[in-house]
Protein backbone atom coordinates (compact mmCIF):
# COMPACT_ATOMS: atom_id res chain seq x y z
CA MET A 1 10.92 -0.70 -0.41
CA ARG A 2 9.22 -3.35 -2.52
CA VAL A 3 5.56 -3.76 -1.57
CA MET A 4 3.00 -6.14 -3.05
CA ILE A 5 -0.50 -4.68 -3.20
CA ARG A 6 -3.39 -7.09 -3.50
CA LYS A 7 -7.15 -7.05 -3.19
CA SER A 8 -9.24 -9.61 -1.33
CA GLY A 9 -12.94 -8.89 -1.66
CA ASN A 10 -13.26 -5.15 -1.06
CA GLU A 11 -10.14 -4.91 1.10
CA LEU A 12 -6.70 -3.85 -0.10
CA SER A 13 -3.61 -5.10 1.68
CA ALA A 14 0.13 -4.51 1.47
CA TYR A 15 2.80 -7.20 1.88
CA VAL A 16 6.44 -6.31 2.58
CA ALA A 17 8.52 -9.46 2.05
CA LYS A 18 11.71 -8.19 3.74
CA LYS A 19 9.74 -7.54 6.94
CA ASP A 20 7.41 -10.55 6.50
CA LEU A 21 4.59 -8.09 7.10
CA GLU A 22 1.09 -8.11 5.63
CA GLU A 23 -1.36 -5.44 6.76
CA PRO A 24 -4.69 -4.12 5.48
CA ILE A 25 -4.73 -0.65 3.95
CA VAL A 26 -7.07 1.37 6.18
CA ALA A 27 -6.86 4.87 4.64
CA MET A 28 -5.74 6.45 1.37
CA GLU A 29 -5.05 10.02 0.31
CA LYS A 30 -6.57 9.44 -3.13
CA PRO A 31 -9.55 7.22 -3.95
CA GLY A 32 -7.55 5.27 -6.54
CA LEU A 33 -4.63 4.51 -4.15
CA TRP A 34 -1.93 5.56 -6.62
CA GLY A 35 0.05 8.78 -6.33
CA GLY A 36 -0.60 9.57 -2.68
CA TRP A 37 -0.13 8.05 0.74
CA ALA A 38 -1.70 4.87 2.09
CA ASP A 39 -2.02 4.03 5.80
CA LEU A 40 -1.64 0.44 6.99
CA SER A 41 -3.40 -0.94 10.07
CA ASN A 42 -0.08 -1.15 11.96
CA GLY A 43 0.41 2.63 11.66
CA TRP A 44 2.83 2.71 8.74
CA ARG A 45 2.23 5.35 6.08
CA LEU A 46 3.51 4.53 2.59
CA GLU A 47 3.95 6.88 -0.35
CA MET A 48 2.52 5.08 -3.37
CA PRO A 49 3.84 5.58 -6.92
CA GLU A 50 1.80 7.21 -9.69
CA MET A 51 0.03 4.53 -11.71
CA ALA A 52 -3.10 4.22 -13.83
CA PRO A 53 -6.32 3.91 -11.79
CA ASP A 54 -7.18 0.64 -13.55
CA THR A 55 -3.85 -1.09 -12.70
CA ARG A 56 -4.43 -4.82 -12.23
CA LEU A 57 -3.77 -6.35 -8.84
CA PRO A 58 -1.78 -8.03 -7.38
CA ILE A 59 1.22 -5.89 -8.28
CA THR A 60 4.62 -5.28 -6.70
CA VAL A 61 5.68 -1.62 -6.56
CA ASN A 62 8.39 0.52 -5.02
CA ALA A 63 6.85 2.50 -2.17
CA ARG A 64 8.49 4.77 0.38
CA ARG A 65 7.70 4.52 4.07
CA LEU A 66 6.80 7.96 5.38
CA SER A 67 6.15 7.01 9.01
CA THR A 68 6.21 4.00 11.30
CA GLY A 69 3.15 4.89 13.36
CA GLU A 70 5.11 5.70 16.51
C-alpha cells in the first residue's frame, strides 16, 4: 500500500490515503525506520522498504501491512 511518511517536530507519522488514515509511528524495529517494521498507534504494523537513513521527508513509499492490531 502507498504510505506517506512525514515528520512533525520529533514525531513521525504515516498517512494512508486509501483509508483516510493518519497515525503516529509509536515503535520501530530499526532506529532509522527503513528496512524493518514500524508500529502505528492504531495497532497496525507496516513493513518499511530499505532506504538511505538520510532520506528526506515527507516521502511516499510502498509499505506492506503485516498486522491490523487485532
